[in-house]
Amino acid sequence: MNVKYFKDTDTALLEFTTAEVDETREITANVYVDLDKDGNLVSMTIEHAATAAQLPYVHIEEIDASAA
């Protein structure tokens, strides 16, 4: 997974796979998802990311299945 933050436009791009995008769907006025030909998530774009998603600050936490 890649997370790209474009400071000049306050846009975040979360890339989940490298599959070819077949369709883009608007989820809200500021969130779009890209899907492959099978409907699987390829990427997500978040506009106004600093406010909407608290980016560019990212925290990733891996949870061990035995800890859940």
PDB file of N, CA and C in Angstrom:
ATOM      1  N   MET A   1       0.856  -1.179   0.000  1.00  0.00           N
ATOM      2  CA  MET A   1       0.000   0.000   0.000  1.00  0.00           C
ATOM      3  C   MET A   1       0.890   1.226   0.000  1.00  0.00           C
ATOM      4  N   ASN A   2       0.544   2.183  -0.823  1.00  0.00           N
ATOM      5  CA  ASN A   2       1.246   3.460  -0.888  1.00  0.00           C
ATOM      6  C   ASN A   2       0.283   4.574  -0.501  1.00  0.00           C
ATOM      7  N   VAL A   3       0.782   5.520   0.276  1.00  0.00           N
ATOM      8  CA  VAL A   3       0.014   6.714   0.613  1.00  0.00           C
ATOM      9  C   VAL A   3       0.797   7.902   0.098  1.00  0.00           C
ATOM     10  N   LYS A   4       0.157   8.682  -0.761  1.00  0.00           N
ATOM     11  CA  LYS A   4       0.786   9.889  -1.296  1.00  0.00           C
ATOM     12  C   LYS A   4      -0.042  11.094  -0.860  1.00  0.00           C
ATOM     13  N   TYR A   5       0.644  12.103  -0.345  1.00  0.00           N
ATOM     14  CA  TYR A   5      -0.024  13.330   0.073  1.00  0.00           C
ATOM     15  C   TYR A   5       0.508  14.481  -0.754  1.00  0.00           C
ATOM     16  N   PHE A   6      -0.399  15.147  -1.462  1.00  0.00           N
ATOM     17  CA  PHE A   6      -0.048  16.277  -2.317  1.00  0.00           C
ATOM     18  C   PHE A   6      -0.398  17.557  -1.553  1.00  0.00           C
ATOM     19  N   LYS A   7       0.606  18.140  -0.924  1.00  0.00           N
ATOM     20  CA  LYS A   7       0.397  19.294  -0.055  1.00  0.00           C
ATOM     21  C   LYS A   7      -0.207  20.480  -0.798  1.00  0.00           C
ATOM     22  N   ASP A   8       0.225  20.690  -2.042  1.00  0.00           N
ATOM     23  CA  ASP A   8      -0.257  21.857  -2.792  1.00  0.00           C
ATOM     24  C   ASP A   8      -1.760  21.821  -3.051  1.00  0.00           C
ATOM     25  N   THR A   9      -2.346  20.625  -3.126  1.00  0.00           N
ATOM     26  CA  THR A   9      -3.789  20.506  -3.353  1.00  0.00           C
ATOM     27  C   THR A   9      -4.514  19.904  -2.153  1.00  0.00           C
ATOM     28  N   ASP A  10      -3.768  19.574  -1.087  1.00  0.00           N
ATOM     29  CA  ASP A  10      -4.319  18.946   0.115  1.00  0.00           C
ATOM     30  C   ASP A  10      -5.131  17.702  -0.252  1.00  0.00           C
ATOM     31  N   THR A  11      -4.497  16.862  -1.069  1.00  0.00           N
ATOM     32  CA  THR A  11      -5.142  15.645  -1.557  1.00  0.00           C
ATOM     33  C   THR A  11      -4.308  14.435  -1.170  1.00  0.00           C
ATOM     34  N   ALA A  12      -4.977  13.396  -0.699  1.00  0.00           N
ATOM     35  CA  ALA A  12      -4.308  12.143  -0.374  1.00  0.00           C
ATOM     36  C   ALA A  12      -4.727  11.076  -1.373  1.00  0.00           C
ATOM     37  N   LEU A  13      -3.775  10.271  -1.776  1.00  0.00           N
ATOM     38  CA  LEU A  13      -4.034   9.149  -2.664  1.00  0.00           C
ATOM     39  C   LEU A  13      -3.541   7.900  -1.969  1.00  0.00           C
ATOM     40  N   LEU A  14      -4.442   6.983  -1.684  1.00  0.00           N
ATOM     41  CA  LEU A  14      -4.100   5.706  -1.063  1.00  0.00           C
ATOM     42  C   LEU A  14      -4.189   4.643  -2.141  1.00  0.00           C
ATOM     43  N   GLU A  15      -3.066   4.053  -2.467  1.00  0.00           N
ATOM     44  CA  GLU A  15      -3.012   3.036  -3.520  1.00  0.00           C
ATOM     45  C   GLU A  15      -2.900   1.664  -2.867  1.00  0.00           C
ATOM     46  N   PHE A  16      -3.893   0.820  -3.116  1.00  0.00           N
ATOM     47  CA  PHE A  16      -3.945  -0.500  -2.496  1.00  0.00           C
ATOM     48  C   PHE A  16      -3.351  -1.586  -3.392  1.00  0.00           C
ATOM     49  N   THR A  17      -3.518  -1.446  -4.691  1.00  0.00           N
ATOM     50  CA  THR A  17      -2.959  -2.403  -5.647  1.00  0.00           C
ATOM     51  C   THR A  17      -2.481  -1.642  -6.876  1.00  0.00           C
ATOM     52  N   THR A  18      -1.842  -2.362  -7.778  1.00  0.00           N
ATOM     53  CA  THR A  18      -1.394  -1.758  -9.038  1.00  0.00           C
ATOM     54  C   THR A  18      -2.301  -2.168 -10.190  1.00  0.00           C
ATOM     55  N   ALA A  19      -3.462  -2.717  -9.873  1.00  0.00           N
ATOM     56  CA  ALA A  19      -4.407  -3.139 -10.910  1.00  0.00           C
ATOM     57  C   ALA A  19      -4.878  -1.943 -11.731  1.00  0.00           C
ATOM     58  N   GLU A  20      -5.282  -2.215 -12.941  1.00  0.00           N
ATOM     59  CA  GLU A  20      -5.796  -1.174 -13.829  1.00  0.00           C
ATOM     60  C   GLU A  20      -7.168  -0.711 -13.340  1.00  0.00           C
ATOM     61  N   VAL A  21      -7.365   0.599 -13.313  1.00  0.00           N
ATOM     62  CA  VAL A  21      -8.639   1.174 -12.878  1.00  0.00           C
ATOM     63  C   VAL A  21      -9.655   1.046 -14.006  1.00  0.00           C
ATOM     64  N   ASP A  22     -10.813   0.489 -13.668  1.00  0.00           N
ATOM     65  CA  ASP A  22     -11.901   0.336 -14.633  1.00  0.00           C
ATOM     66  C   ASP A  22     -12.998   1.365 -14.398  1.00  0.00           C
ATOM     67  N   GLU A  23     -13.173   1.773 -13.131  1.00  0.00           N
ATOM     68  CA  GLU A  23     -14.270   2.673 -12.784  1.00  0.00           C
ATOM     69  C   GLU A  23     -13.896   3.497 -11.560  1.00  0.00           C
ATOM     70  N   THR A  24     -14.316   4.755 -11.546  1.00  0.00           N
ATOM     71  CA  THR A  24     -14.163   5.619 -10.380  1.00  0.00           C
ATOM     72  C   THR A  24     -15.543   5.962  -9.861  1.00  0.00           C
ATOM     73  N   ARG A  25     -15.728   5.796  -8.555  1.00  0.00           N
ATOM     74  CA  ARG A  25     -17.014   6.113  -7.931  1.00  0.00           C
ATOM     75  C   ARG A  25     -16.834   7.213  -6.896  1.00  0.00           C
ATOM     76  N   GLU A  26     -17.767   8.151  -6.899  1.00  0.00           N
ATOM     77  CA  GLU A  26     -17.776   9.215  -5.899  1.00  0.00           C
ATOM     78  C   GLU A  26     -18.508   8.699  -4.671  1.00  0.00           C
ATOM     79  N   ILE A  27     -17.825   8.670  -3.535  1.00  0.00           N
ATOM     80  CA  ILE A  27     -18.424   8.226  -2.281  1.00  0.00           C
ATOM     81  C   ILE A  27     -19.060   9.407  -1.562  1.00  0.00           C
ATOM     82  N   THR A  28     -18.317  10.503  -1.482  1.00  0.00           N
ATOM     83  CA  THR A  28     -18.825  11.782  -0.972  1.00  0.00           C
ATOM     84  C   THR A  28     -18.239  12.862  -1.875  1.00  0.00           C
ATOM     85  N   ALA A  29     -18.528  14.112  -1.564  1.00  0.00           N
ATOM     86  CA  ALA A  29     -18.000  15.209  -2.371  1.00  0.00           C
ATOM     87  C   ALA A  29     -16.475  15.256  -2.363  1.00  0.00           C
ATOM     88  N   ASN A  30     -15.837  14.640  -1.352  1.00  0.00           N
ATOM     89  CA  ASN A  30     -14.384  14.706  -1.221  1.00  0.00           C
ATOM     90  C   ASN A  30     -13.685  13.353  -1.253  1.00  0.00           C
ATOM     91  N   VAL A  31     -14.426  12.274  -1.437  1.00  0.00           N
ATOM     92  CA  VAL A  31     -13.837  10.937  -1.422  1.00  0.00           C
ATOM     93  C   VAL A  31     -14.258  10.172  -2.673  1.00  0.00           C
ATOM     94  N   TYR A  32     -13.239   9.625  -3.361  1.00  0.00           N
ATOM     95  CA  TYR A  32     -13.470   8.844  -4.576  1.00  0.00           C
ATOM     96  C   TYR A  32     -12.726   7.526  -4.456  1.00  0.00           C
ATOM     97  N   VAL A  33     -13.325   6.456  -4.973  1.00  0.00           N
ATOM     98  CA  VAL A  33     -12.636   5.168  -5.001  1.00  0.00           C
ATOM     99  C   VAL A  33     -12.506   4.709  -6.441  1.00  0.00           C
ATOM    100  N   ASP A  34     -11.388   4.068  -6.731  1.00  0.00           N
ATOM    101  CA  ASP A  34     -11.132   3.483  -8.041  1.00  0.00           C
ATOM    102  C   ASP A  34     -11.246   1.970  -7.901  1.00  0.00           C
ATOM    103  N   LEU A  35     -11.970   1.352  -8.833  1.00  0.00           N
ATOM    104  CA  LEU A  35     -12.204  -0.086  -8.803  1.00  0.00           C
ATOM    105  C   LEU A  35     -11.653  -0.737 -10.062  1.00  0.00           C
ATOM    106  N   ASP A  36     -11.238  -1.990  -9.933  1.00  0.00           N
ATOM    107  CA  ASP A  36     -10.793  -2.735 -11.113  1.00  0.00           C
ATOM    108  C   ASP A  36     -12.000  -3.353 -11.813  1.00  0.00           C
ATOM    109  N   LYS A  37     -11.767  -4.125 -12.862  1.00  0.00           N
ATOM    110  CA  LYS A  37     -12.867  -4.688 -13.662  1.00  0.00           C
ATOM    111  C   LYS A  37     -13.740  -5.648 -12.874  1.00  0.00           C
ATOM    112  N   ASP A  38     -13.224  -6.183 -11.751  1.00  0.00           N
ATOM    113  CA  ASP A  38     -13.986  -7.107 -10.915  1.00  0.00           C
ATOM    114  C   ASP A  38     -14.646  -6.418  -9.718  1.00  0.00           C
ATOM    115  N   GLY A  39     -14.514  -5.094  -9.642  1.00  0.00           N
ATOM    116  CA  GLY A  39     -15.113  -4.341  -8.550  1.00  0.00           C
ATOM    117  C   GLY A  39     -14.264  -4.260  -7.302  1.00  0.00           C
ATOM    118  N   ASN A  40     -13.008  -4.697  -7.387  1.00  0.00           N
ATOM    119  CA  ASN A  40     -12.103  -4.644  -6.238  1.00  0.00           C
ATOM    120  C   ASN A  40     -11.471  -3.260  -6.107  1.00  0.00           C
ATOM    121  N   LEU A  41     -11.228  -2.854  -4.881  1.00  0.00           N
ATOM    122  CA  LEU A  41     -10.653  -1.545  -4.591  1.00  0.00           C
ATOM    123  C   LEU A  41      -9.209  -1.467  -5.077  1.00  0.00           C
ATOM    124  N   VAL A  42      -8.913  -0.446  -5.879  1.00  0.00           N
ATOM    125  CA  VAL A  42      -7.566  -0.189  -6.374  1.00  0.00           C
ATOM    126  C   VAL A  42      -6.953   0.969  -5.596  1.00  0.00           C
ATOM    127  N   SER A  43      -7.693   2.071  -5.485  1.00  0.00           N
ATOM    128  CA  SER A  43      -7.181   3.244  -4.783  1.00  0.00           C
ATOM    129  C   SER A  43      -8.322   4.108  -4.277  1.00  0.00           C
ATOM    130  N   MET A  44      -7.953   5.048  -3.405  1.00  0.00           N
ATOM    131  CA  MET A  44      -8.919   5.996  -2.847  1.00  0.00           C
ATOM    132  C   MET A  44      -8.285   7.380  -2.853  1.00  0.00           C
ATOM    133  N   THR A  45      -9.042   8.368  -3.273  1.00  0.00           N
ATOM    134  CA  THR A  45      -8.598   9.759  -3.266  1.00  0.00           C
ATOM    135  C   THR A  45      -9.418  10.517  -2.235  1.00  0.00           C
ATOM    136  N   ILE A  46      -8.720  11.276  -1.387  1.00  0.00           N
ATOM    137  CA  ILE A  46      -9.389  12.096  -0.374  1.00  0.00           C
ATOM    138  C   ILE A  46      -8.963  13.538  -0.578  1.00  0.00           C
ATOM    139  N   GLU A  47      -9.920  14.378  -0.935  1.00  0.00           N
ATOM    140  CA  GLU A  47      -9.658  15.808  -1.081  1.00  0.00           C
ATOM    141  C   GLU A  47      -9.844  16.473   0.276  1.00  0.00           C
ATOM    142  N   HIS A  48      -9.164  17.599   0.500  1.00  0.00           N
ATOM    143  CA  HIS A  48      -9.174  18.301   1.789  1.00  0.00           C
ATOM    144  C   HIS A  48      -8.709  17.331   2.879  1.00  0.00           C
ATOM    145  N   ALA A  49      -7.669  16.602   2.583  1.00  0.00           N
ATOM    146  CA  ALA A  49      -7.207  15.500   3.429  1.00  0.00           C
ATOM    147  C   ALA A  49      -6.724  15.939   4.806  1.00  0.00           C
ATOM    148  N   ALA A  50      -6.146  17.105   4.918  1.00  0.00           N
ATOM    149  CA  ALA A  50      -5.647  17.562   6.218  1.00  0.00           C
ATOM    150  C   ALA A  50      -6.785  17.649   7.229  1.00  0.00           C
ATOM    151  N   THR A  51      -7.956  18.047   6.769  1.00  0.00           N
ATOM    152  CA  THR A  51      -9.122  18.153   7.644  1.00  0.00           C
ATOM    153  C   THR A  51      -9.899  16.841   7.699  1.00  0.00           C
ATOM    154  N   ALA A  52     -10.196  16.280   6.541  1.00  0.00           N
ATOM    155  CA  ALA A  52     -11.057  15.102   6.457  1.00  0.00           C
ATOM    156  C   ALA A  52     -10.406  13.840   7.019  1.00  0.00           C
ATOM    157  N   ALA A  53      -9.102  13.701   6.848  1.00  0.00           N
ATOM    158  CA  ALA A  53      -8.436  12.462   7.255  1.00  0.00           C
ATOM    159  C   ALA A  53      -7.238  12.695   8.155  1.00  0.00           C
ATOM    160  N   GLN A  54      -7.069  13.900   8.637  1.00  0.00           N
ATOM    161  CA  GLN A  54      -5.957  14.279   9.501  1.00  0.00           C
ATOM    162  C   GLN A  54      -4.600  13.936   8.867  1.00  0.00           C
ATOM    163  N   LEU A  55      -4.518  14.035   7.565  1.00  0.00           N
ATOM    164  CA  LEU A  55      -3.250  13.820   6.874  1.00  0.00           C
ATOM    165  C   LEU A  55      -2.522  15.147   6.784  1.00  0.00           C
ATOM    166  N   PRO A  56      -1.238  15.184   6.748  1.00  0.00           N
ATOM    167  CA  PRO A  56      -0.302  14.132   6.383  1.00  0.00           C
ATOM    168  C   PRO A  56       0.178  13.278   7.548  1.00  0.00           C
ATOM    169  N   TYR A  57      -0.464  13.300   8.685  1.00  0.00           N
ATOM    170  CA  TYR A  57      -0.046  12.485   9.826  1.00  0.00           C
ATOM    171  C   TYR A  57      -0.686  11.109   9.721  1.00  0.00           C
ATOM    172  N   VAL A  58       0.140  10.080   9.619  1.00  0.00           N
ATOM    173  CA  VAL A  58      -0.349   8.713   9.449  1.00  0.00           C
ATOM    174  C   VAL A  58       0.250   7.843  10.548  1.00  0.00           C
ATOM    175  N   HIS A  59      -0.583   7.060  11.151  1.00  0.00           N
ATOM    176  CA  HIS A  59      -0.147   6.096  12.171  1.00  0.00           C
ATOM    177  C   HIS A  59      -0.620   4.721  11.725  1.00  0.00           C
ATOM    178  N   ILE A  60       0.296   3.786  11.648  1.00  0.00           N
ATOM    179  CA  ILE A  60      -0.044   2.423  11.260  1.00  0.00           C
ATOM    180  C   ILE A  60       0.261   1.522  12.437  1.00  0.00           C
ATOM    181  N   GLU A  61      -0.732   0.713  12.818  1.00  0.00           N
ATOM    182  CA  GLU A  61      -0.562  -0.192  13.946  1.00  0.00           C
ATOM    183  C   GLU A  61      -0.927  -1.595  13.494  1.00  0.00           C
ATOM    184  N   GLU A  62       0.005  -2.499  13.636  1.00  0.00           N
ATOM    185  CA  GLU A  62      -0.253  -3.900  13.297  1.00  0.00           C
ATOM    186  C   GLU A  62      -0.736  -4.614  14.541  1.00  0.00           C
ATOM    187  N   ILE A  63      -1.880  -5.280  14.446  1.00  0.00           N
ATOM    188  CA  ILE A  63      -2.478  -5.979  15.569  1.00  0.00           C
ATOM    189  C   ILE A  63      -2.289  -7.478  15.376  1.00  0.00           C
ATOM    190  N   ASP A  64      -1.654  -8.125  16.320  1.00  0.00           N
ATOM    191  CA  ASP A  64      -1.470  -9.567  16.286  1.00  0.00           C
ATOM    192  C   ASP A  64      -2.816 -10.233  16.565  1.00  0.00           C
ATOM    193  N   ALA A  65      -3.181 -11.242  15.804  1.00  0.00           N
ATOM    194  CA  ALA A  65      -4.460 -11.917  15.954  1.00  0.00           C
ATOM    195  C   ALA A  65      -4.644 -12.473  17.365  1.00  0.00           C
ATOM    196  N   SER A  66      -3.575 -12.896  18.012  1.00  0.00           N
ATOM    197  CA  SER A  66      -3.693 -13.445  19.353  1.00  0.00           C
ATOM    198  C   SER A  66      -3.957 -12.373  20.402  1.00  0.00           C
ATOM    199  N   ALA A  67      -3.710 -11.096  20.042  1.00  0.00           N
ATOM    200  CA  ALA A  67      -3.934  -9.998  20.983  1.00  0.00           C
ATOM    201  C   ALA A  67      -5.376  -9.509  20.955  1.00  0.00           C
ATOM    202  N   ALA A  68      -6.129  -9.909  19.958  1.00  0.00           N
ATOM    203  CA  ALA A  68      -7.506  -9.409  19.797  1.00  0.00           C
ATOM    204  C   ALA A  68      -8.482 -10.103  20.704  1.00  0.00           C
TER     205      ALA A  68
END
